[in-house]
Amino acid sequence: MTNEQYCTAMTSDKKAIDNMLRVMDKYGDNKWWLADDVKRMCYYQLQEDNLLIEFEVFHKGVETLLNREVMTIEFRDLGRLFDEAKMKYNPA
């Protein structure tokens, strides 16, 4: 699946697709948004302001990554969640 195919499967909003593609380009061959490992996927998503995966998957994945319940309001401070994730997960 190409990045363009992935984006158009997620949304039809042209501006959102352009933002997603811009973020994806930063990662080159590291297509973490397609990963089977939800911890890996969410670790990288925590570093981005533009959502590349479905929020429900992101929310549940962050709970798995951090091994705790995460209140929705906590996503207002991705930096804090990422700091916690760095202590609990180290992607290969």
PDB file of N, CA and C in Angstrom:
ATOM      1  N   MET A   1       0.843  -1.178   0.000  1.00  0.00           N
ATOM      2  CA  MET A   1       0.000   0.000   0.000  1.00  0.00           C
ATOM      3  C   MET A   1       0.889   1.242   0.000  1.00  0.00           C
ATOM      4  N   THR A   2       0.600   2.156  -0.895  1.00  0.00           N
ATOM      5  CA  THR A   2       1.359   3.400  -0.941  1.00  0.00           C
ATOM      6  C   THR A   2       0.835   4.348   0.141  1.00  0.00           C
ATOM      7  N   ASN A   3       1.631   5.358   0.436  1.00  0.00           N
ATOM      8  CA  ASN A   3       1.192   6.364   1.406  1.00  0.00           C
ATOM      9  C   ASN A   3      -0.086   7.057   0.931  1.00  0.00           C
ATOM     10  N   GLU A   4      -0.158   7.340  -0.358  1.00  0.00           N
ATOM     11  CA  GLU A   4      -1.333   8.010  -0.914  1.00  0.00           C
ATOM     12  C   GLU A   4      -2.582   7.136  -0.752  1.00  0.00           C
ATOM     13  N   GLN A   5      -2.447   5.849  -1.021  1.00  0.00           N
ATOM     14  CA  GLN A   5      -3.571   4.927  -0.861  1.00  0.00           C
ATOM     15  C   GLN A   5      -4.021   4.874   0.596  1.00  0.00           C
ATOM     16  N   TYR A   6      -3.052   4.824   1.487  1.00  0.00           N
ATOM     17  CA  TYR A   6      -3.366   4.785   2.917  1.00  0.00           C
ATOM     18  C   TYR A   6      -4.143   6.045   3.319  1.00  0.00           C
ATOM     19  N   CYS A   7      -3.658   7.186   2.906  1.00  0.00           N
ATOM     20  CA  CYS A   7      -4.285   8.457   3.280  1.00  0.00           C
ATOM     21  C   CYS A   7      -5.709   8.563   2.742  1.00  0.00           C
ATOM     22  N   THR A   8      -5.904   8.191   1.503  1.00  0.00           N
ATOM     23  CA  THR A   8      -7.242   8.298   0.930  1.00  0.00           C
ATOM     24  C   THR A   8      -8.197   7.274   1.538  1.00  0.00           C
ATOM     25  N   ALA A   9      -7.668   6.186   2.080  1.00  0.00           N
ATOM     26  CA  ALA A   9      -8.514   5.228   2.798  1.00  0.00           C
ATOM     27  C   ALA A   9      -8.931   5.789   4.157  1.00  0.00           C
ATOM     28  N   MET A  10      -8.116   6.675   4.712  1.00  0.00           N
ATOM     29  CA  MET A  10      -8.394   7.264   6.026  1.00  0.00           C
ATOM     30  C   MET A  10      -9.342   8.465   5.945  1.00  0.00           C
ATOM     31  N   THR A  11      -9.203   9.274   4.875  1.00  0.00           N
ATOM     32  CA  THR A  11      -9.985  10.508   4.773  1.00  0.00           C
ATOM     33  C   THR A  11     -10.078  10.957   3.320  1.00  0.00           C
ATOM     34  N   SER A  12     -11.075  11.773   3.033  1.00  0.00           N
ATOM     35  CA  SER A  12     -11.179  12.379   1.706  1.00  0.00           C
ATOM     36  C   SER A  12     -10.807  13.862   1.743  1.00  0.00           C
ATOM     37  N   ASP A  13     -10.440  14.361   2.921  1.00  0.00           N
ATOM     38  CA  ASP A  13     -10.069  15.763   3.107  1.00  0.00           C
ATOM     39  C   ASP A  13      -8.680  16.015   2.523  1.00  0.00           C
ATOM     40  N   LYS A  14      -8.623  16.799   1.458  1.00  0.00           N
ATOM     41  CA  LYS A  14      -7.360  17.056   0.746  1.00  0.00           C
ATOM     42  C   LYS A  14      -6.296  17.671   1.656  1.00  0.00           C
ATOM     43  N   LYS A  15      -6.684  18.611   2.491  1.00  0.00           N
ATOM     44  CA  LYS A  15      -5.719  19.254   3.395  1.00  0.00           C
ATOM     45  C   LYS A  15      -5.167  18.230   4.396  1.00  0.00           C
ATOM     46  N   ALA A  16      -6.033  17.394   4.934  1.00  0.00           N
ATOM     47  CA  ALA A  16      -5.594  16.362   5.877  1.00  0.00           C
ATOM     48  C   ALA A  16      -4.654  15.379   5.193  1.00  0.00           C
ATOM     49  N   ILE A  17      -4.978  15.004   3.960  1.00  0.00           N
ATOM     50  CA  ILE A  17      -4.115  14.087   3.209  1.00  0.00           C
ATOM     51  C   ILE A  17      -2.750  14.715   2.982  1.00  0.00           C
ATOM     52  N   ASP A  18      -2.710  15.973   2.589  1.00  0.00           N
ATOM     53  CA  ASP A  18      -1.425  16.663   2.380  1.00  0.00           C
ATOM     54  C   ASP A  18      -0.608  16.691   3.668  1.00  0.00           C
ATOM     55  N   ASN A  19      -1.252  16.958   4.795  1.00  0.00           N
ATOM     56  CA  ASN A  19      -0.550  16.970   6.089  1.00  0.00           C
ATOM     57  C   ASN A  19      -0.023  15.580   6.434  1.00  0.00           C
ATOM     58  N   MET A  20      -0.849  14.568   6.217  1.00  0.00           N
ATOM     59  CA  MET A  20      -0.422  13.199   6.499  1.00  0.00           C
ATOM     60  C   MET A  20       0.777  12.807   5.640  1.00  0.00           C
ATOM     61  N   LEU A  21       0.729  13.138   4.356  1.00  0.00           N
ATOM     62  CA  LEU A  21       1.835  12.799   3.456  1.00  0.00           C
ATOM     63  C   LEU A  21       3.116  13.523   3.848  1.00  0.00           C
ATOM     64  N   ARG A  22       2.977  14.759   4.297  1.00  0.00           N
ATOM     65  CA  ARG A  22       4.160  15.520   4.749  1.00  0.00           C
ATOM     66  C   ARG A  22       4.812  14.817   5.940  1.00  0.00           C
ATOM     67  N   VAL A  23       4.005  14.368   6.891  1.00  0.00           N
ATOM     68  CA  VAL A  23       4.530  13.663   8.061  1.00  0.00           C
ATOM     69  C   VAL A  23       5.169  12.345   7.628  1.00  0.00           C
ATOM     70  N   MET A  24       4.492  11.612   6.784  1.00  0.00           N
ATOM     71  CA  MET A  24       4.994  10.313   6.327  1.00  0.00           C
ATOM     72  C   MET A  24       6.344  10.435   5.633  1.00  0.00           C
ATOM     73  N   ASP A  25       6.514  11.491   4.865  1.00  0.00           N
ATOM     74  CA  ASP A  25       7.770  11.694   4.144  1.00  0.00           C
ATOM     75  C   ASP A  25       8.966  11.783   5.081  1.00  0.00           C
ATOM     76  N   LYS A  26       8.756  12.288   6.300  1.00  0.00           N
ATOM     77  CA  LYS A  26       9.856  12.415   7.268  1.00  0.00           C
ATOM     78  C   LYS A  26      10.442  11.061   7.652  1.00  0.00           C
ATOM     79  N   TYR A  27       9.646  10.012   7.533  1.00  0.00           N
ATOM     80  CA  TYR A  27      10.046   8.708   8.044  1.00  0.00           C
ATOM     81  C   TYR A  27      10.650   7.778   7.000  1.00  0.00           C
ATOM     82  N   GLY A  28      10.679   8.193   5.755  1.00  0.00           N
ATOM     83  CA  GLY A  28      11.293   7.356   4.721  1.00  0.00           C
ATOM     84  C   GLY A  28      10.692   5.964   4.682  1.00  0.00           C
ATOM     85  N   ASP A  29      11.543   4.948   4.860  1.00  0.00           N
ATOM     86  CA  ASP A  29      11.098   3.555   4.798  1.00  0.00           C
ATOM     87  C   ASP A  29      10.461   3.065   6.100  1.00  0.00           C
ATOM     88  N   ASN A  30      10.520   3.852   7.154  1.00  0.00           N
ATOM     89  CA  ASN A  30       9.911   3.476   8.434  1.00  0.00           C
ATOM     90  C   ASN A  30       8.418   3.796   8.379  1.00  0.00           C
ATOM     91  N   LYS A  31       7.636   2.856   7.925  1.00  0.00           N
ATOM     92  CA  LYS A  31       6.188   3.056   7.788  1.00  0.00           C
ATOM     93  C   LYS A  31       5.490   2.542   9.047  1.00  0.00           C
ATOM     94  N   TRP A  32       5.779   3.193  10.161  1.00  0.00           N
ATOM     95  CA  TRP A  32       5.261   2.742  11.453  1.00  0.00           C
ATOM     96  C   TRP A  32       3.736   2.728  11.509  1.00  0.00           C
ATOM     97  N   TRP A  33       3.061   3.544  10.723  1.00  0.00           N
ATOM     98  CA  TRP A  33       1.596   3.603  10.718  1.00  0.00           C
ATOM     99  C   TRP A  33       0.972   2.323  10.163  1.00  0.00           C
ATOM    100  N   LEU A  34       1.791   1.482   9.535  1.00  0.00           N
ATOM    101  CA  LEU A  34       1.329   0.192   9.027  1.00  0.00           C
ATOM    102  C   LEU A  34       1.801  -0.970   9.894  1.00  0.00           C
ATOM    103  N   ALA A  35       2.460  -0.670  10.997  1.00  0.00           N
ATOM    104  CA  ALA A  35       3.055  -1.709  11.845  1.00  0.00           C
ATOM    105  C   ALA A  35       2.001  -2.632  12.448  1.00  0.00           C
ATOM    106  N   ASP A  36       2.386  -3.883  12.624  1.00  0.00           N
ATOM    107  CA  ASP A  36       1.544  -4.845  13.333  1.00  0.00           C
ATOM    108  C   ASP A  36       1.681  -4.671  14.846  1.00  0.00           C
ATOM    109  N   ASP A  37       2.764  -4.058  15.262  1.00  0.00           N
ATOM    110  CA  ASP A  37       3.049  -3.841  16.684  1.00  0.00           C
ATOM    111  C   ASP A  37       2.412  -2.524  17.130  1.00  0.00           C
ATOM    112  N   VAL A  38       1.320  -2.620  17.879  1.00  0.00           N
ATOM    113  CA  VAL A  38       0.583  -1.417  18.297  1.00  0.00           C
ATOM    114  C   VAL A  38       1.429  -0.520  19.197  1.00  0.00           C
ATOM    115  N   LYS A  39       2.329  -1.095  19.987  1.00  0.00           N
ATOM    116  CA  LYS A  39       3.202  -0.273  20.836  1.00  0.00           C
ATOM    117  C   LYS A  39       4.118   0.588  19.979  1.00  0.00           C
ATOM    118  N   ARG A  40       4.698  -0.017  18.955  1.00  0.00           N
ATOM    119  CA  ARG A  40       5.581   0.721  18.043  1.00  0.00           C
ATOM    120  C   ARG A  40       4.796   1.832  17.334  1.00  0.00           C
ATOM    121  N   MET A  41       3.632   1.485  16.840  1.00  0.00           N
ATOM    122  CA  MET A  41       2.797   2.439  16.129  1.00  0.00           C
ATOM    123  C   MET A  41       2.475   3.644  17.015  1.00  0.00           C
ATOM    124  N   CYS A  42       2.088   3.388  18.231  1.00  0.00           N
ATOM    125  CA  CYS A  42       1.682   4.471  19.129  1.00  0.00           C
ATOM    126  C   CYS A  42       2.874   5.260  19.651  1.00  0.00           C
ATOM    127  N   TYR A  43       4.008   4.607  19.820  1.00  0.00           N
ATOM    128  CA  TYR A  43       5.225   5.309  20.236  1.00  0.00           C
ATOM    129  C   TYR A  43       5.552   6.414  19.232  1.00  0.00           C
ATOM    130  N   TYR A  44       5.511   6.081  17.960  1.00  0.00           N
ATOM    131  CA  TYR A  44       5.798   7.088  16.934  1.00  0.00           C
ATOM    132  C   TYR A  44       4.670   8.102  16.800  1.00  0.00           C
ATOM    133  N   GLN A  45       3.423   7.646  16.909  1.00  0.00           N
ATOM    134  CA  GLN A  45       2.298   8.573  16.775  1.00  0.00           C
ATOM    135  C   GLN A  45       2.331   9.630  17.869  1.00  0.00           C
ATOM    136  N   LEU A  46       2.798   9.276  19.048  1.00  0.00           N
ATOM    137  CA  LEU A  46       2.894  10.250  20.144  1.00  0.00           C
ATOM    138  C   LEU A  46       3.822  11.416  19.810  1.00  0.00           C
ATOM    139  N   GLN A  47       4.674  11.239  18.826  1.00  0.00           N
ATOM    140  CA  GLN A  47       5.626  12.288  18.449  1.00  0.00           C
ATOM    141  C   GLN A  47       5.082  13.220  17.372  1.00  0.00           C
ATOM    142  N   GLU A  48       3.850  12.971  16.931  1.00  0.00           N
ATOM    143  CA  GLU A  48       3.285  13.730  15.822  1.00  0.00           C
ATOM    144  C   GLU A  48       2.001  14.449  16.218  1.00  0.00           C
ATOM    145  N   ASP A  49       1.823  15.652  15.709  1.00  0.00           N
ATOM    146  CA  ASP A  49       0.587  16.406  15.913  1.00  0.00           C
ATOM    147  C   ASP A  49      -0.507  15.966  14.948  1.00  0.00           C
ATOM    148  N   ASN A  50      -0.111  15.416  13.797  1.00  0.00           N
ATOM    149  CA  ASN A  50      -1.074  14.943  12.802  1.00  0.00           C
ATOM    150  C   ASN A  50      -1.309  13.454  13.006  1.00  0.00           C
ATOM    151  N   LEU A  51      -2.552  13.095  13.188  1.00  0.00           N
ATOM    152  CA  LEU A  51      -2.917  11.712  13.444  1.00  0.00           C
ATOM    153  C   LEU A  51      -2.834  10.899  12.156  1.00  0.00           C
ATOM    154  N   LEU A  52      -2.029   9.828  12.179  1.00  0.00           N
ATOM    155  CA  LEU A  52      -1.898   8.959  11.023  1.00  0.00           C
ATOM    156  C   LEU A  52      -2.636   7.644  11.209  1.00  0.00           C
ATOM    157  N   ILE A  53      -3.098   7.382  12.418  1.00  0.00           N
ATOM    158  CA  ILE A  53      -3.856   6.165  12.684  1.00  0.00           C
ATOM    159  C   ILE A  53      -5.183   6.564  13.318  1.00  0.00           C
ATOM    160  N   GLU A  54      -6.132   5.655  13.306  1.00  0.00           N
ATOM    161  CA  GLU A  54      -7.431   5.959  13.887  1.00  0.00           C
ATOM    162  C   GLU A  54      -7.280   6.248  15.376  1.00  0.00           C
ATOM    163  N   PHE A  55      -8.035   7.238  15.868  1.00  0.00           N
ATOM    164  CA  PHE A  55      -7.880   7.641  17.262  1.00  0.00           C
ATOM    165  C   PHE A  55      -8.181   6.492  18.223  1.00  0.00           C
ATOM    166  N   GLU A  56      -9.183   5.681  17.922  1.00  0.00           N
ATOM    167  CA  GLU A  56      -9.532   4.570  18.810  1.00  0.00           C
ATOM    168  C   GLU A  56      -8.366   3.591  18.947  1.00  0.00           C
ATOM    169  N   VAL A  57      -7.693   3.316  17.842  1.00  0.00           N
ATOM    170  CA  VAL A  57      -6.514   2.441  17.852  1.00  0.00           C
ATOM    171  C   VAL A  57      -5.395   3.106  18.649  1.00  0.00           C
ATOM    172  N   PHE A  58      -5.206   4.392  18.424  1.00  0.00           N
ATOM    173  CA  PHE A  58      -4.183   5.163  19.133  1.00  0.00           C
ATOM    174  C   PHE A  58      -4.435   5.136  20.635  1.00  0.00           C
ATOM    175  N   HIS A  59      -5.657   5.415  21.043  1.00  0.00           N
ATOM    176  CA  HIS A  59      -5.996   5.463  22.462  1.00  0.00           C
ATOM    177  C   HIS A  59      -5.730   4.116  23.137  1.00  0.00           C
ATOM    178  N   LYS A  60      -6.281   3.050  22.568  1.00  0.00           N
ATOM    179  CA  LYS A  60      -6.084   1.714  23.150  1.00  0.00           C
ATOM    180  C   LYS A  60      -4.612   1.312  23.102  1.00  0.00           C
ATOM    181  N   GLY A  61      -3.930   1.670  22.025  1.00  0.00           N
ATOM    182  CA  GLY A  61      -2.514   1.335  21.902  1.00  0.00           C
ATOM    183  C   GLY A  61      -1.650   2.051  22.915  1.00  0.00           C
ATOM    184  N   VAL A  62      -1.954   3.303  23.195  1.00  0.00           N
ATOM    185  CA  VAL A  62      -1.196   4.048  24.199  1.00  0.00           C
ATOM    186  C   VAL A  62      -1.428   3.421  25.578  1.00  0.00           C
ATOM    187  N   GLU A  63      -2.634   2.986  25.837  1.00  0.00           N
ATOM    188  CA  GLU A  63      -2.898   2.298  27.106  1.00  0.00           C
ATOM    189  C   GLU A  63      -2.062   1.017  27.203  1.00  0.00           C
ATOM    190  N   THR A  64      -1.955   0.290  26.112  1.00  0.00           N
ATOM    191  CA  THR A  64      -1.122  -0.916  26.089  1.00  0.00           C
ATOM    192  C   THR A  64       0.346  -0.549  26.269  1.00  0.00           C
ATOM    193  N   LEU A  65       0.780   0.470  25.566  1.00  0.00           N
ATOM    194  CA  LEU A  65       2.169   0.924  25.630  1.00  0.00           C
ATOM    195  C   LEU A  65       2.556   1.362  27.040  1.00  0.00           C
ATOM    196  N   LEU A  66       1.674   2.106  27.694  1.00  0.00           N
ATOM    197  CA  LEU A  66       1.974   2.643  29.018  1.00  0.00           C
ATOM    198  C   LEU A  66       1.549   1.699  30.143  1.00  0.00           C
ATOM    199  N   ASN A  67       0.820   0.657  29.786  1.00  0.00           N
ATOM    200  CA  ASN A  67       0.342  -0.332  30.754  1.00  0.00           C
ATOM    201  C   ASN A  67      -0.513   0.308  31.851  1.00  0.00           C
ATOM    202  N   ARG A  68      -1.402   1.203  31.392  1.00  0.00           N
ATOM    203  CA  ARG A  68      -2.323   1.850  32.324  1.00  0.00           C
ATOM    204  C   ARG A  68      -3.483   2.462  31.542  1.00  0.00           C
ATOM    205  N   GLU A  69      -4.549   2.784  32.238  1.00  0.00           N
ATOM    206  CA  GLU A  69      -5.656   3.482  31.614  1.00  0.00           C
ATOM    207  C   GLU A  69      -5.221   4.917  31.319  1.00  0.00           C
ATOM    208  N   VAL A  70      -5.599   5.406  30.155  1.00  0.00           N
ATOM    209  CA  VAL A  70      -5.253   6.770  29.750  1.00  0.00           C
ATOM    210  C   VAL A  70      -6.561   7.511  29.484  1.00  0.00           C
ATOM    211  N   MET A  71      -6.779   8.569  30.230  1.00  0.00           N
ATOM    212  CA  MET A  71      -7.977   9.384  30.041  1.00  0.00           C
ATOM    213  C   MET A  71      -7.834  10.175  28.741  1.00  0.00           C
ATOM    214  N   THR A  72      -8.923  10.347  28.038  1.00  0.00           N
ATOM    215  CA  THR A  72      -8.905  11.057  26.760  1.00  0.00           C
ATOM    216  C   THR A  72      -8.290  12.446  26.894  1.00  0.00           C
ATOM    217  N   ILE A  73      -8.558  13.126  27.983  1.00  0.00           N
ATOM    218  CA  ILE A  73      -8.030  14.479  28.180  1.00  0.00           C
ATOM    219  C   ILE A  73      -6.498  14.500  28.223  1.00  0.00           C
ATOM    220  N   GLU A  74      -5.870  13.374  28.558  1.00  0.00           N
ATOM    221  CA  GLU A  74      -4.409  13.317  28.608  1.00  0.00           C
ATOM    222  C   GLU A  74      -3.779  13.516  27.238  1.00  0.00           C
ATOM    223  N   PHE A  75      -4.535  13.301  26.170  1.00  0.00           N
ATOM    224  CA  PHE A  75      -4.002  13.473  24.823  1.00  0.00           C
ATOM    225  C   PHE A  75      -3.806  14.947  24.472  1.00  0.00           C
ATOM    226  N   ARG A  76      -4.238  15.829  25.348  1.00  0.00           N
ATOM    227  CA  ARG A  76      -3.978  17.262  25.137  1.00  0.00           C
ATOM    228  C   ARG A  76      -2.501  17.577  25.341  1.00  0.00           C
ATOM    229  N   ASP A  77      -1.789  16.705  26.058  1.00  0.00           N
ATOM    230  CA  ASP A  77      -0.364  16.908  26.311  1.00  0.00           C
ATOM    231  C   ASP A  77       0.410  15.679  25.833  1.00  0.00           C
ATOM    232  N   LEU A  78       0.604  15.612  24.515  1.00  0.00           N
ATOM    233  CA  LEU A  78       1.303  14.468  23.935  1.00  0.00           C
ATOM    234  C   LEU A  78       2.735  14.365  24.435  1.00  0.00           C
ATOM    235  N   GLY A  79       3.343  15.496  24.745  1.00  0.00           N
ATOM    236  CA  GLY A  79       4.718  15.492  25.251  1.00  0.00           C
ATOM    237  C   GLY A  79       4.842  14.721  26.548  1.00  0.00           C
ATOM    238  N   ARG A  80       3.903  14.892  27.430  1.00  0.00           N
ATOM    239  CA  ARG A  80       3.925  14.185  28.708  1.00  0.00           C
ATOM    240  C   ARG A  80       3.737  12.681  28.481  1.00  0.00           C
ATOM    241  N   LEU A  81       2.793  12.332  27.608  1.00  0.00           N
ATOM    242  CA  LEU A  81       2.585  10.912  27.302  1.00  0.00           C
ATOM    243  C   LEU A  81       3.824  10.312  26.640  1.00  0.00           C
ATOM    244  N   PHE A  82       4.467  11.070  25.754  1.00  0.00           N
ATOM    245  CA  PHE A  82       5.664  10.569  25.092  1.00  0.00           C
ATOM    246  C   PHE A  82       6.805  10.395  26.082  1.00  0.00           C
ATOM    247  N   ASP A  83       6.951  11.316  27.014  1.00  0.00           N
ATOM    248  CA  ASP A  83       7.994  11.169  28.036  1.00  0.00           C
ATOM    249  C   ASP A  83       7.800   9.876  28.818  1.00  0.00           C
ATOM    250  N   GLU A  84       6.561   9.586  29.157  1.00  0.00           N
ATOM    251  CA  GLU A  84       6.265   8.338  29.863  1.00  0.00           C
ATOM    252  C   GLU A  84       6.552   7.136  28.962  1.00  0.00           C
ATOM    253  N   ALA A  85       6.195   7.251  27.686  1.00  0.00           N
ATOM    254  CA  ALA A  85       6.419   6.152  26.743  1.00  0.00           C
ATOM    255  C   ALA A  85       7.917   5.865  26.581  1.00  0.00           C
ATOM    256  N   LYS A  86       8.746   6.905  26.570  1.00  0.00           N
ATOM    257  CA  LYS A  86      10.195   6.713  26.425  1.00  0.00           C
ATOM    258  C   LYS A  86      10.758   5.913  27.588  1.00  0.00           C
ATOM    259  N   MET A  87      10.152   6.027  28.756  1.00  0.00           N
ATOM    260  CA  MET A  87      10.631   5.268  29.909  1.00  0.00           C
ATOM    261  C   MET A  87      10.180   3.804  29.865  1.00  0.00           C
ATOM    262  N   LYS A  88       9.115   3.523  29.108  1.00  0.00           N
ATOM    263  CA  LYS A  88       8.534   2.192  29.116  1.00  0.00           C
ATOM    264  C   LYS A  88       8.757   1.399  27.836  1.00  0.00           C
ATOM    265  N   TYR A  89       9.214   2.050  26.791  1.00  0.00           N
ATOM    266  CA  TYR A  89       9.327   1.367  25.500  1.00  0.00           C
ATOM    267  C   TYR A  89      10.514   1.898  24.721  1.00  0.00           C
ATOM    268  N   ASN A  90      11.236   0.986  24.084  1.00  0.00           N
ATOM    269  CA  ASN A  90      12.367   1.378  23.256  1.00  0.00           C
ATOM    270  C   ASN A  90      12.278   0.602  21.956  1.00  0.00           C
ATOM    271  N   PRO A  91      11.746   1.231  20.893  1.00  0.00           N
ATOM    272  CA  PRO A  91      11.601   0.500  19.632  1.00  0.00           C
ATOM    273  C   PRO A  91      12.952   0.105  19.046  1.00  0.00           C
ATOM    274  N   ALA A  92      12.963  -1.025  18.397  1.00  0.00           N
ATOM    275  CA  ALA A  92      14.206  -1.513  17.798  1.00  0.00           C
ATOM    276  C   ALA A  92      14.551  -0.750  16.543  1.00  0.00           C
TER     277      ALA A  92
END
